Amino acid sequence: MIAAENDALAGAKVGGIADVVRDIAPALAQRSHQVQVLLPGYQSLSEQSGSQRRDRFQVNFWGRVETVDLYSVPGRNPVDGVQQWVLEHPLFAAAGKGRIYCDDPPDRPFATDASKFGLFCVAAAEAVRRGLFGHLDVLHLHDWHASIVALLRAYHAEYSVLQQIHTVFSIHNLALQGIRPFDGDISAVHAWFPGLELEYERVSDPRYDDCINLMRTGINLSDKVHAVSPTYVDEITRPSRPEQGFFGGEGLDPDLLTAQQQGRLVGILNGAEYESTVQPKMDSELERLLLAAESEVINWMSKESHCYSGHSIALGRIQQWLRTLDQESGDKQMLLTSVGRLTDQKALLLRQAMLNGKSALDNLLLQLEGRGRLILLGSGDPLLEQFLLEVAGRHANFIFLRGFSIDLSELFYRAGDLFLMPSSFEPCGISQMLAMRAGQPCLVHSVGGLADTVEDGVNGFSFSGASLNEQCQGMLDTCERAISEFARTAHWNELCAQAAAQRFLWSDSALAYEQQLYTAGD
C-alpha cells in the first residue's frame, strides 16, 4: 500500500484516508496477507522510537540524481503481518517538518505537493523494482498522491517490470485531482521525468489539455479502481450538477463509467472498529460534554495570540446551557450533534438560502426552538466558520465550537440524541458509523456511504431532493419527523438500539478487497 497518510504512525493523519490505511492493513493481515505500508516520512516519521534505516538508494528526478532513505517504523500498535515503512528526503518536508500537505497559492495549485509526491512515487517504484519489500502480488495506490507510480509503471522503461504486479487505485477524495502542467513549470511532468513519453489522451485533464490530471491517471492506468461505498460508485459515473445539488464524477465520470463497464470499478464500504459491549447512555452525558467543551475552548484560547470572538460566544452559551440543565422540567429537549471538517462538502446545505431568505441552518434552529439544541464541532473554510459564528450569535440553542479534538468528538457521539450529517456528497463517511456505534441515530443526506449505512426509519433518518432547495426542505421535514419520534420514548429507544446493533466490519471489507480488488477477474 502506497499512500500520503497512515494513522498507524503518530503524526501521519490529516483526513479519513489515514484511518482507512491504518485499519484495512491489519484486517487483511488477519486473512493471512503480508501487508507493507509505505508513505513519505516528512522528515519526522523516521525519527520515531524504534525506527531503523534499512536502505539508501538513488533515483532520477528533475533531471538529476536524488538520494532517498528507506526506514522501517514500528508504529503505535504493531500488528503481525503488517510492516510500516517510510521514505525520507528533504523535499518531503517542503511544507515544514512533519507537515503532510502544503498550502500552495491558487495560481499554482498542488505545485509543491505534486513535486513532493512525484519524488516519493519514483522512489517507491525504485524500492519495489529493487525488491526491498520482497515479492509483491499487489500494488495498492491511494488517491492522486500515489498515482504517479501507475504513470511510471505504464510509461517509464526502468519501471515497466511493475506491470507484472496487479495494481489497484483507491479513490478517497475525488474533488482533489492533482492537476499540474505537462511542461513549462518546475512542478510539471516533463520537468520531473525529462523525455517521458505519454499517451496524453489517457492522463490529460478533461478541462485543461496542457495539464496532467493525477486522479484520472490513477483511474485509467490501474487494473482495478476502488471507491469507498457502492452508492458512491453509482454517483461518480454520472456528471456533477452542482447547481442542482448533485456531485458526481467531477469531470471524470466518462473515465469512471468506462472503468465500470470494463468491470474495473468496484465499490466497497469502509469499516469501523467495535468494542464487544456498548456502554449504556447516562443522564449526565450532556453535562459531561458541556464541561469538556468548556475546558477545550479555554485550552484553544490559551494558545491563540488574538482572542477569537467565537470562543467567547461558545463559553457564554455553554454556561447558559449548564444553568438550564437542572431547571428543565417536562419534556426533555433533543440534542443534535455534528462533527466534521467545515467544507462545502459538509456544510453547503446548512448555509443555503431558502425561500424565506433565511439559511437552512437558521430555519432548522428556529424549528428546534424550545424542543431541541444543536452543538457543532469543526473547523476549516474561513467563510463557513464566519457563517456559523454569525448563526451562533443569533440562536441561543446553537453552540459552534471552532476547532477539533478527538476526545471531545467521542463525547459528541455518546451524548447526542441525533447526529446531523447533511453532506452534499460523502464517498463513505465515518462519523455516522461512530455515532451509530454509540447508539445515536443519524439524520443524513442520502448520498454515497450515508445511503449505504443509514436506513430511514430503521436505524436513523435520511432525506433527499432533486434541487438544493428540495434537499434543504427535506432536511427540515425529516428533522421534524425525528423530533416527533423522539417524543415516543419506547420507540426512540428501539431506534437507538437498532443504530447500535449495526456492524460495518473491516473484516468484511478485507474479504471484499481480496475477492473484488486483488484478483484480476473480468
Protein backbone atom coordinates (compact mmCIF):
# COMPACT_ATOMS: atom_id res chain seq x y z
CA MET A 1 0.00 0.00 0.00
CA ILE A 2 1.34 3.41 -1.05
CA ALA A 3 -0.29 6.47 0.48
CA ALA A 4 0.24 10.00 1.79
CA GLU A 5 -1.31 9.29 5.20
CA ASN A 6 -1.45 6.41 7.67
CA ASP A 7 -2.77 6.79 11.20
CA ALA A 8 -0.86 3.70 12.30
CA LEU A 9 2.02 6.19 12.65
CA ALA A 10 1.76 9.11 15.08
CA GLY A 11 1.60 12.40 13.17
CA ALA A 12 0.67 10.86 9.82
CA LYS A 13 -3.04 11.77 9.74
CA VAL A 14 -4.93 14.68 8.24
CA GLY A 15 -8.11 13.10 6.89
CA GLY A 16 -10.05 9.88 6.56
CA ILE A 17 -7.58 8.22 4.20
CA ALA A 18 -5.28 7.79 7.22
CA ASP A 19 -7.96 5.84 9.08
CA VAL A 20 -8.62 3.56 6.11
CA VAL A 21 -4.95 2.75 5.58
CA ARG A 22 -4.50 2.18 9.33
CA ASP A 23 -7.45 -0.21 9.67
CA ILE A 24 -7.56 -2.17 6.41
CA ALA A 25 -3.95 -3.34 6.72
CA PRO A 26 -4.44 -5.39 9.93
CA ALA A 27 -7.81 -6.64 8.63
CA LEU A 28 -6.00 -8.02 5.58
CA ALA A 29 -3.26 -9.44 7.79
CA GLN A 30 -5.93 -11.38 9.70
CA ARG A 31 -6.73 -13.04 6.39
CA SER A 32 -3.09 -14.20 6.14
CA HIS A 33 -1.87 -11.43 3.84
CA GLN A 34 1.52 -9.84 4.37
CA VAL A 35 0.95 -6.08 4.06
CA GLN A 36 3.66 -3.47 3.52
CA VAL A 37 2.53 0.15 4.02
CA LEU A 38 4.71 2.91 2.56
CA LEU A 39 4.45 6.69 2.85
CA PRO A 40 6.75 9.73 2.95
CA GLY A 41 8.44 10.31 6.28
CA TYR A 42 8.04 14.10 6.13
CA GLN A 43 11.43 14.29 7.90
CA SER A 44 9.72 13.35 11.17
CA LEU A 45 8.21 9.86 10.99
CA SER A 46 11.66 8.28 10.62
CA GLU A 47 12.67 9.86 13.94
CA GLN A 48 10.08 7.93 15.94
CA SER A 49 11.29 5.48 18.54
CA GLY A 50 12.31 2.13 17.10
CA SER A 51 12.74 3.36 13.51
CA GLN A 52 15.65 1.88 11.59
CA ARG A 53 17.18 2.84 8.26
CA ARG A 54 17.03 -0.22 6.04
CA ASP A 55 18.41 1.04 2.75
CA ARG A 56 19.69 4.04 0.82
CA PHE A 57 19.35 4.31 -2.94
CA GLN A 58 19.24 6.83 -5.75
CA VAL A 59 16.58 7.85 -8.27
CA ASN A 60 16.42 10.26 -11.20
CA PHE A 61 14.13 13.23 -10.61
CA TRP A 62 14.17 16.75 -12.03
CA GLY A 63 16.91 15.57 -14.38
CA ARG A 64 19.31 14.90 -11.54
CA VAL A 65 20.18 12.14 -9.10
CA GLU A 66 18.43 12.24 -5.71
CA THR A 67 19.29 10.06 -2.70
CA VAL A 68 16.42 8.56 -0.71
CA ASP A 69 16.47 6.59 2.56
CA LEU A 70 14.09 3.75 3.44
CA TYR A 71 13.15 3.28 7.10
CA SER A 72 11.11 0.64 8.90
CA VAL A 73 8.90 2.18 11.60
CA PRO A 74 7.20 0.10 14.32
CA GLY A 75 4.02 2.17 14.51
CA ARG A 76 1.84 2.79 17.53
CA ASN A 77 0.27 -0.67 17.70
CA PRO A 78 2.43 -3.17 15.80
CA VAL A 79 0.47 -5.97 14.13
CA ASP A 80 1.80 -9.31 12.91
CA GLY A 81 1.68 -9.36 9.13
CA VAL A 82 1.84 -5.56 8.73
CA GLN A 83 5.13 -3.74 8.14
CA GLN A 84 5.24 0.07 8.23
CA TRP A 85 7.76 1.86 6.01
CA VAL A 86 8.66 5.47 5.25
CA LEU A 87 10.87 7.06 2.62
CA GLU A 88 12.90 10.12 3.56
CA HIS A 89 14.24 13.03 1.52
CA PRO A 90 14.43 16.77 2.38
CA LEU A 91 11.75 17.55 -0.23
CA PHE A 92 9.23 15.53 1.77
CA ALA A 93 9.34 18.30 4.41
CA ALA A 94 8.70 21.07 1.86
CA ALA A 95 5.70 22.23 3.94
CA GLY A 96 7.74 22.14 7.14
CA LYS A 97 8.99 19.25 9.23
CA GLY A 98 6.17 16.85 9.99
CA ARG A 99 3.56 18.62 7.85
CA ILE A 100 1.88 16.39 5.28
CA TYR A 101 0.41 18.91 2.83
CA CYS A 102 1.42 22.34 1.56
CA ASP A 103 -0.78 25.40 1.08
CA ASP A 104 0.16 26.42 -2.44
CA PRO A 105 -1.23 29.67 -3.86
CA PRO A 106 -4.31 29.49 -6.13
CA ASP A 107 -2.27 30.30 -9.25
CA ARG A 108 -0.08 27.18 -8.73
CA PRO A 109 -2.40 24.59 -7.13
CA PHE A 110 -0.75 21.37 -5.91
CA ALA A 111 2.66 22.60 -7.17
CA THR A 112 4.77 21.79 -4.11
CA ASP A 113 2.81 18.71 -3.13
CA ALA A 114 2.86 17.29 -6.67
CA SER A 115 6.65 17.56 -6.85
CA LYS A 116 6.99 16.07 -3.38
CA PHE A 117 4.75 13.13 -4.20
CA GLY A 118 6.38 12.81 -7.64
CA LEU A 119 9.73 12.15 -5.98
CA PHE A 120 8.06 9.90 -3.41
CA CYS A 121 6.41 7.82 -6.16
CA VAL A 122 9.55 7.32 -8.21
CA ALA A 123 11.37 6.33 -5.01
CA ALA A 124 8.53 3.91 -4.19
CA ALA A 125 8.73 2.44 -7.69
CA GLU A 126 12.50 2.07 -7.39
CA ALA A 127 12.19 0.36 -3.99
CA VAL A 128 9.70 -2.10 -5.50
CA ARG A 129 11.94 -2.68 -8.52
CA ARG A 130 14.87 -3.43 -6.20
CA GLY A 131 12.76 -5.95 -4.27
CA LEU A 132 13.15 -4.12 -0.97
CA PHE A 133 9.69 -5.31 0.13
CA GLY A 134 10.14 -8.87 -1.07
CA HIS A 135 7.82 -10.46 -3.63
CA LEU A 136 4.66 -8.41 -4.18
CA ASP A 137 1.39 -9.67 -5.64
CA VAL A 138 -0.46 -6.34 -5.41
CA LEU A 139 0.39 -2.65 -5.51
CA HIS A 140 -2.42 -0.67 -3.86
CA LEU A 141 -2.24 3.09 -4.56
CA HIS A 142 -4.31 5.56 -2.51
CA ASP A 143 -5.58 8.80 -4.09
CA TRP A 144 -3.73 11.08 -6.51
CA HIS A 145 -0.65 11.33 -4.29
CA ALA A 146 0.31 7.74 -5.20
CA SER A 147 -0.91 7.70 -8.81
CA ILE A 148 2.46 8.63 -10.30
CA VAL A 149 3.52 5.06 -9.51
CA ALA A 150 0.90 3.96 -12.08
CA LEU A 151 2.26 6.56 -14.53
CA LEU A 152 5.82 5.26 -14.20
CA ARG A 153 4.62 1.65 -14.38
CA ALA A 154 2.90 2.38 -17.71
CA TYR A 155 5.42 4.68 -19.43
CA HIS A 156 8.88 4.60 -17.80
CA ALA A 157 11.20 1.95 -19.23
CA GLU A 158 13.02 1.42 -15.93
CA TYR A 159 9.75 0.58 -14.15
CA SER A 160 7.96 -1.49 -16.79
CA VAL A 161 8.69 -4.52 -14.58
CA LEU A 162 5.94 -3.20 -12.26
CA GLN A 163 3.42 -4.11 -14.96
CA GLN A 164 3.77 -7.69 -13.72
CA ILE A 165 2.23 -6.63 -10.37
CA HIS A 166 -1.56 -6.30 -10.14
CA THR A 167 -2.25 -2.62 -9.38
CA VAL A 168 -5.27 -1.14 -7.57
CA PHE A 169 -6.17 2.54 -7.24
CA SER A 170 -8.42 3.74 -4.39
CA ILE A 171 -10.42 6.97 -4.66
CA HIS A 172 -10.87 8.67 -1.30
CA ASN A 173 -11.47 12.29 -2.36
CA LEU A 174 -12.45 12.75 -6.00
CA ALA A 175 -12.65 16.53 -5.56
CA LEU A 176 -8.85 16.78 -5.21
CA GLN A 177 -7.34 15.65 -8.50
CA GLY A 178 -3.71 16.80 -8.50
CA ILE A 179 -3.69 18.83 -11.72
CA ARG A 180 -0.27 20.04 -12.97
CA PRO A 181 1.15 21.15 -16.34
CA PHE A 182 2.92 18.74 -18.65
CA ASP A 183 5.60 21.38 -19.35
CA GLY A 184 6.69 24.90 -18.53
CA ASP A 185 6.99 24.69 -14.75
CA ILE A 186 9.43 23.17 -12.27
CA SER A 187 6.39 21.27 -10.95
CA ALA A 188 5.48 19.63 -14.26
CA VAL A 189 5.61 16.05 -15.50
CA HIS A 190 8.39 16.60 -18.03
CA ALA A 191 10.42 18.59 -15.50
CA TRP A 192 10.23 15.63 -13.12
CA PHE A 193 10.87 12.99 -15.77
CA PRO A 194 12.53 14.51 -18.85
CA GLY A 195 11.86 12.58 -22.06
CA LEU A 196 8.99 10.52 -20.64
CA GLU A 197 6.65 9.59 -23.49
CA LEU A 198 2.97 9.58 -22.51
CA GLU A 199 -0.41 8.73 -24.01
CA TYR A 200 -1.81 12.17 -23.34
CA GLU A 201 -5.40 11.17 -24.08
CA ARG A 202 -5.34 8.81 -21.07
CA VAL A 203 -3.83 11.15 -18.49
CA SER A 204 -4.63 14.74 -19.53
CA ASP A 205 -7.12 16.84 -17.62
CA PRO A 206 -10.55 16.96 -19.32
CA ARG A 207 -10.65 20.77 -19.00
CA TYR A 208 -7.00 21.72 -19.47
CA ASP A 209 -5.39 19.63 -22.18
CA ASP A 210 -1.94 21.03 -21.40
CA CYS A 211 -2.13 19.54 -17.88
CA ILE A 212 -1.98 16.09 -16.35
CA ASN A 213 -4.77 15.03 -14.03
CA LEU A 214 -3.21 12.66 -11.50
CA MET A 215 -6.55 11.34 -10.23
CA ARG A 216 -7.50 10.46 -13.82
CA THR A 217 -4.05 8.92 -14.26
CA GLY A 218 -4.65 6.50 -11.38
CA ILE A 219 -8.13 5.62 -12.67
CA ASN A 220 -7.05 4.93 -16.25
CA LEU A 221 -3.71 3.21 -15.64
CA SER A 222 -4.63 0.78 -12.85
CA ASP A 223 -6.01 -2.75 -13.16
CA LYS A 224 -8.79 -2.13 -10.63
CA VAL A 225 -10.33 1.10 -9.31
CA HIS A 226 -11.87 1.23 -5.85
CA ALA A 227 -14.43 3.68 -4.47
CA VAL A 228 -15.28 3.53 -0.78
CA SER A 229 -19.01 2.73 -0.97
CA PRO A 230 -21.32 1.05 -3.51
CA THR A 231 -23.69 4.03 -3.85
CA TYR A 232 -20.77 6.37 -4.44
CA VAL A 233 -19.82 4.27 -7.47
CA ASP A 234 -23.24 4.93 -8.98
CA GLU A 235 -22.89 8.67 -8.29
CA ILE A 236 -19.40 9.18 -9.70
CA THR A 237 -20.26 7.54 -13.01
CA ARG A 238 -22.70 10.42 -13.64
CA PRO A 239 -21.91 14.09 -14.38
CA SER A 240 -21.93 16.55 -11.49
CA ARG A 241 -24.76 19.11 -11.46
CA PRO A 242 -23.75 21.42 -8.60
CA GLU A 243 -26.49 23.93 -9.37
CA GLN A 244 -28.97 21.14 -8.59
CA GLY A 245 -27.05 19.90 -5.57
CA PHE A 246 -25.69 16.74 -7.21
CA PHE A 247 -21.96 15.99 -7.01
CA GLY A 248 -20.91 13.08 -9.20
CA GLY A 249 -17.81 12.36 -11.22
CA GLU A 250 -16.33 15.86 -11.04
CA GLY A 251 -15.37 15.76 -14.73
CA LEU A 252 -14.01 12.22 -14.55
CA ASP A 253 -17.36 10.45 -14.93
CA PRO A 254 -16.62 9.28 -18.53
CA ASP A 255 -13.46 7.52 -17.35
CA LEU A 256 -15.21 6.07 -14.32
CA LEU A 257 -18.16 4.88 -16.42
CA THR A 258 -15.71 3.18 -18.79
CA ALA A 259 -13.95 1.56 -15.84
CA GLN A 260 -17.32 0.32 -14.56
CA GLN A 261 -18.27 -1.09 -17.97
CA GLN A 262 -14.89 -2.85 -18.12
CA GLY A 263 -15.51 -4.41 -14.71
CA ARG A 264 -12.59 -2.47 -13.19
CA LEU A 265 -14.57 -0.14 -10.86
CA VAL A 266 -15.63 -1.60 -7.51
CA GLY A 267 -17.47 -0.04 -4.56
CA ILE A 268 -16.54 -1.43 -1.14
CA LEU A 269 -17.75 0.19 2.07
CA ASN A 270 -15.19 1.17 4.68
CA GLY A 271 -15.49 -0.26 8.17
CA ALA A 272 -15.28 0.83 11.79
CA GLU A 273 -13.82 -0.65 14.96
CA TYR A 274 -16.26 -2.06 17.55
CA GLU A 275 -15.92 -2.99 21.21
CA SER A 276 -17.55 -6.16 22.46
CA THR A 277 -20.08 -4.24 24.59
CA VAL A 278 -21.82 -0.88 24.20
CA GLN A 279 -21.79 1.32 27.29
CA PRO A 280 -25.30 2.49 28.28
CA LYS A 281 -26.02 6.18 27.88
CA MET A 282 -26.14 8.10 31.16
CA ASP A 283 -28.34 11.09 32.02
CA SER A 284 -25.20 13.08 32.82
CA GLU A 285 -23.72 12.75 29.30
CA LEU A 286 -24.76 16.27 28.21
CA GLU A 287 -23.29 17.87 31.33
CA ARG A 288 -20.08 15.91 30.80
CA LEU A 289 -19.95 17.06 27.17
CA LEU A 290 -20.51 20.71 28.07
CA LEU A 291 -17.85 20.70 30.78
CA ALA A 292 -15.36 19.05 28.42
CA ALA A 293 -16.23 21.56 25.69
CA GLU A 294 -15.69 24.43 28.12
CA SER A 295 -12.27 23.08 29.07
CA GLU A 296 -11.30 22.57 25.42
CA VAL A 297 -12.35 26.08 24.36
CA ILE A 298 -10.29 27.58 27.19
CA ASN A 299 -7.36 25.44 26.02
CA TRP A 300 -7.76 26.73 22.45
CA MET A 301 -7.92 30.32 23.71
CA SER A 302 -4.72 29.90 25.70
CA LYS A 303 -2.83 29.03 22.51
CA GLU A 304 -4.09 31.94 20.37
CA SER A 305 -2.40 35.34 20.36
CA HIS A 306 -5.67 37.07 19.41
CA CYS A 307 -8.97 36.28 21.04
CA TYR A 308 -11.45 34.73 18.60
CA SER A 309 -14.90 36.09 19.41
CA GLY A 310 -16.50 32.73 18.62
CA HIS A 311 -14.77 31.19 21.63
CA SER A 312 -16.33 33.82 23.90
CA ILE A 313 -19.77 33.21 22.43
CA ALA A 314 -19.33 29.45 22.84
CA LEU A 315 -18.29 29.82 26.50
CA GLY A 316 -21.30 32.01 27.18
CA ARG A 317 -23.68 29.52 25.58
CA ILE A 318 -22.08 26.60 27.45
CA GLN A 319 -22.64 28.38 30.77
CA GLN A 320 -26.20 29.21 29.73
CA TRP A 321 -26.96 25.59 28.87
CA LEU A 322 -25.34 24.32 32.09
CA ARG A 323 -27.54 26.66 34.16
CA THR A 324 -30.70 25.39 32.50
CA LEU A 325 -29.93 21.67 32.84
CA ASP A 326 -31.25 21.49 36.41
CA GLN A 327 -34.16 23.81 35.63
CA GLU A 328 -35.63 21.76 32.79
CA SER A 329 -38.94 20.14 33.51
CA GLY A 330 -41.46 18.29 31.40
CA ASP A 331 -40.38 17.00 28.02
CA LYS A 332 -36.65 16.65 27.52
CA GLN A 333 -35.11 18.67 24.68
CA MET A 334 -33.47 16.72 21.87
CA LEU A 335 -29.73 17.26 21.48
CA LEU A 336 -28.42 17.30 17.91
CA THR A 337 -24.68 16.93 17.45
CA SER A 338 -22.42 17.34 14.43
CA VAL A 339 -18.69 16.82 13.95
CA GLY A 340 -16.69 17.37 10.78
CA ARG A 341 -14.40 19.44 8.60
CA LEU A 342 -16.00 22.70 7.52
CA THR A 343 -16.08 22.43 3.74
CA ASP A 344 -18.79 22.86 1.15
CA GLN A 345 -18.99 19.08 1.02
CA LYS A 346 -20.15 19.02 4.64
CA ALA A 347 -21.95 22.36 5.07
CA LEU A 348 -23.25 23.58 1.70
CA LEU A 349 -26.85 22.76 2.64
CA LEU A 350 -26.59 24.46 6.03
CA ARG A 351 -25.76 27.83 4.52
CA GLN A 352 -28.12 27.51 1.55
CA ALA A 353 -30.69 30.36 1.46
CA MET A 354 -34.27 29.09 1.49
CA LEU A 355 -37.41 30.72 0.12
CA ASN A 356 -37.92 32.82 3.26
CA GLY A 357 -34.46 34.36 2.83
CA LYS A 358 -33.01 32.60 5.86
CA SER A 359 -30.32 29.94 5.71
CA ALA A 360 -31.30 26.30 6.14
CA LEU A 361 -29.41 26.25 9.44
CA ASP A 362 -31.29 29.31 10.73
CA ASN A 363 -34.56 27.63 9.76
CA LEU A 364 -33.52 24.40 11.46
CA LEU A 365 -32.70 26.21 14.71
CA LEU A 366 -35.99 28.12 14.61
CA GLN A 367 -37.76 24.80 14.12
CA LEU A 368 -35.92 23.36 17.13
CA GLU A 369 -36.69 26.31 19.44
CA GLY A 370 -37.94 25.07 22.79
CA ARG A 371 -37.66 21.45 21.62
CA GLY A 372 -34.06 20.90 20.67
CA ARG A 373 -30.49 22.19 20.60
CA LEU A 374 -27.53 21.76 18.26
CA ILE A 375 -23.83 21.68 19.10
CA LEU A 376 -21.33 21.55 16.22
CA LEU A 377 -17.59 20.87 16.35
CA GLY A 378 -15.34 21.63 13.40
CA SER A 379 -13.01 23.98 11.58
CA GLY A 380 -11.91 24.62 8.02
CA ASP A 381 -13.14 27.10 5.43
CA PRO A 382 -12.93 30.61 7.00
CA LEU A 383 -16.15 31.69 5.22
CA LEU A 384 -18.04 28.74 6.70
CA GLU A 385 -16.54 29.42 10.12
CA GLN A 386 -17.77 33.03 9.89
CA PHE A 387 -21.21 31.88 8.77
CA LEU A 388 -21.52 29.52 11.75
CA LEU A 389 -20.24 32.20 14.12
CA GLU A 390 -22.94 34.63 12.97
CA VAL A 391 -25.65 31.96 13.29
CA ALA A 392 -24.38 31.13 16.79
CA GLY A 393 -24.80 34.78 17.72
CA ARG A 394 -28.45 34.71 16.64
CA HIS A 395 -29.63 31.47 18.28
CA ALA A 396 -29.38 30.51 21.94
CA ASN A 397 -29.99 26.85 21.07
CA PHE A 398 -26.80 26.56 18.98
CA ILE A 399 -23.18 26.19 20.10
CA PHE A 400 -20.40 26.36 17.48
CA LEU A 401 -17.01 25.09 18.63
CA ARG A 402 -14.34 26.15 16.15
CA GLY A 403 -11.60 23.57 16.44
CA PHE A 404 -11.14 19.86 16.74
CA SER A 405 -10.41 17.35 19.46
CA ILE A 406 -10.65 13.58 19.13
CA ASP A 407 -11.53 13.15 22.81
CA LEU A 408 -14.25 15.80 22.56
CA SER A 409 -15.66 14.27 19.38
CA GLU A 410 -16.06 10.94 21.17
CA LEU A 411 -18.26 12.69 23.73
CA PHE A 412 -20.36 14.12 20.89
CA TYR A 413 -21.10 10.61 19.69
CA ARG A 414 -22.10 9.45 23.19
CA ALA A 415 -24.05 12.48 24.41
CA GLY A 416 -26.17 13.31 21.38
CA ASP A 417 -29.69 12.15 20.61
CA LEU A 418 -29.45 12.73 16.85
CA PHE A 419 -26.29 13.14 14.75
CA LEU A 420 -26.62 15.63 11.88
CA MET A 421 -24.68 14.89 8.68
CA PRO A 422 -26.17 16.77 5.70
CA SER A 423 -23.20 16.22 3.36
CA SER A 424 -23.72 17.18 -0.28
CA PHE A 425 -21.60 14.15 -1.18
CA GLU A 426 -19.99 11.51 1.01
CA PRO A 427 -17.73 8.83 -0.52
CA CYS A 428 -18.17 6.71 2.61
CA GLY A 429 -18.24 8.67 5.84
CA ILE A 430 -17.06 7.51 9.25
CA SER A 431 -18.84 9.91 11.63
CA GLN A 432 -22.22 8.30 11.04
CA MET A 433 -20.73 4.89 11.84
CA LEU A 434 -19.17 6.20 15.07
CA ALA A 435 -22.41 7.88 16.15
CA MET A 436 -24.44 4.74 15.43
CA ARG A 437 -21.86 2.65 17.26
CA ALA A 438 -22.55 4.77 20.35
CA GLY A 439 -26.30 4.29 19.94
CA GLN A 440 -27.02 7.71 18.40
CA PRO A 441 -29.27 7.63 15.32
CA CYS A 442 -28.26 9.91 12.44
CA LEU A 443 -30.06 12.39 10.22
CA VAL A 444 -28.25 12.26 6.86
CA HIS A 445 -28.49 13.32 3.26
CA SER A 446 -28.99 10.02 1.41
CA VAL A 447 -25.83 10.09 -0.73
CA GLY A 448 -22.77 7.86 -1.05
CA GLY A 449 -21.84 5.89 2.02
CA LEU A 450 -24.57 7.61 4.04
CA ALA A 451 -27.18 5.91 1.85
CA ASP A 452 -25.39 2.58 2.37
CA THR A 453 -25.30 2.82 6.17
CA VAL A 454 -28.39 4.76 7.37
CA GLU A 455 -31.82 3.26 6.67
CA ASP A 456 -34.62 5.75 7.10
CA GLY A 457 -36.96 4.84 9.95
CA VAL A 458 -34.99 1.73 10.85
CA ASN A 459 -31.66 2.89 12.32
CA GLY A 460 -31.88 6.62 11.60
CA PHE A 461 -33.34 9.23 9.27
CA SER A 462 -32.45 10.25 5.72
CA PHE A 463 -33.62 12.82 3.19
CA SER A 464 -33.02 13.59 -0.46
CA GLY A 465 -34.11 16.10 -3.11
CA ALA A 466 -33.73 16.96 -6.78
CA SER A 467 -32.54 20.50 -6.05
CA LEU A 468 -30.73 22.37 -3.30
CA ASN A 469 -34.00 23.84 -2.03
CA GLU A 470 -35.68 20.42 -2.02
CA GLN A 471 -32.74 18.99 -0.10
CA CYS A 472 -32.91 21.77 2.50
CA GLN A 473 -36.67 21.34 2.90
CA GLY A 474 -36.16 17.59 3.12
CA MET A 475 -33.68 18.11 5.95
CA LEU A 476 -36.18 20.28 7.86
CA ASP A 477 -39.10 17.92 7.27
CA THR A 478 -37.06 14.90 8.31
CA CYS A 479 -35.82 16.68 11.43
CA GLU A 480 -39.44 17.45 12.34
CA ARG A 481 -40.25 13.77 11.94
CA ALA A 482 -37.30 12.85 14.16
CA ILE A 483 -38.45 15.25 16.87
CA SER A 484 -41.88 13.61 16.83
CA GLU A 485 -40.29 10.15 17.05
CA PHE A 486 -38.09 11.34 19.94
CA ALA A 487 -41.20 12.09 21.99
CA ARG A 488 -42.20 8.41 21.76
CA THR A 489 -39.63 7.15 24.27
CA ALA A 490 -40.05 3.41 23.79
CA HIS A 491 -39.98 3.72 20.01
CA TRP A 492 -36.94 6.01 20.16
CA ASN A 493 -35.07 3.58 22.39
CA GLU A 494 -35.74 0.86 19.85
CA LEU A 495 -34.34 3.09 17.09
CA CYS A 496 -31.22 3.74 19.18
CA ALA A 497 -30.80 0.01 19.76
CA GLN A 498 -31.06 -0.63 16.01
CA ALA A 499 -28.39 2.01 15.36
CA ALA A 500 -26.07 0.48 17.98
CA ALA A 501 -26.59 -3.00 16.54
CA GLN A 502 -25.30 -2.05 13.08
CA ARG A 503 -21.91 -3.52 12.19
CA PHE A 504 -19.71 -2.26 9.38
CA LEU A 505 -16.71 -4.52 9.84
CA TRP A 506 -13.23 -4.14 8.43
CA SER A 507 -13.11 -7.93 8.21
CA ASP A 508 -15.95 -7.74 5.66
CA SER A 509 -14.11 -5.01 3.77
CA ALA A 510 -10.91 -7.09 3.73
CA LEU A 511 -12.78 -10.08 2.27
CA ALA A 512 -14.25 -7.84 -0.43
CA TYR A 513 -10.80 -6.37 -1.19
CA GLU A 514 -9.49 -9.90 -1.60
CA GLN A 515 -12.33 -11.08 -3.83
CA GLN A 516 -13.08 -7.96 -5.86
CA LEU A 517 -9.90 -5.86 -5.96
CA TYR A 518 -6.94 -8.18 -5.62
CA THR A 519 -7.95 -10.72 -8.26
CA ALA A 520 -7.75 -9.93 -11.96
CA GLY A 521 -11.31 -11.05 -12.83
CA ASP A 522 -13.21 -9.96 -15.91
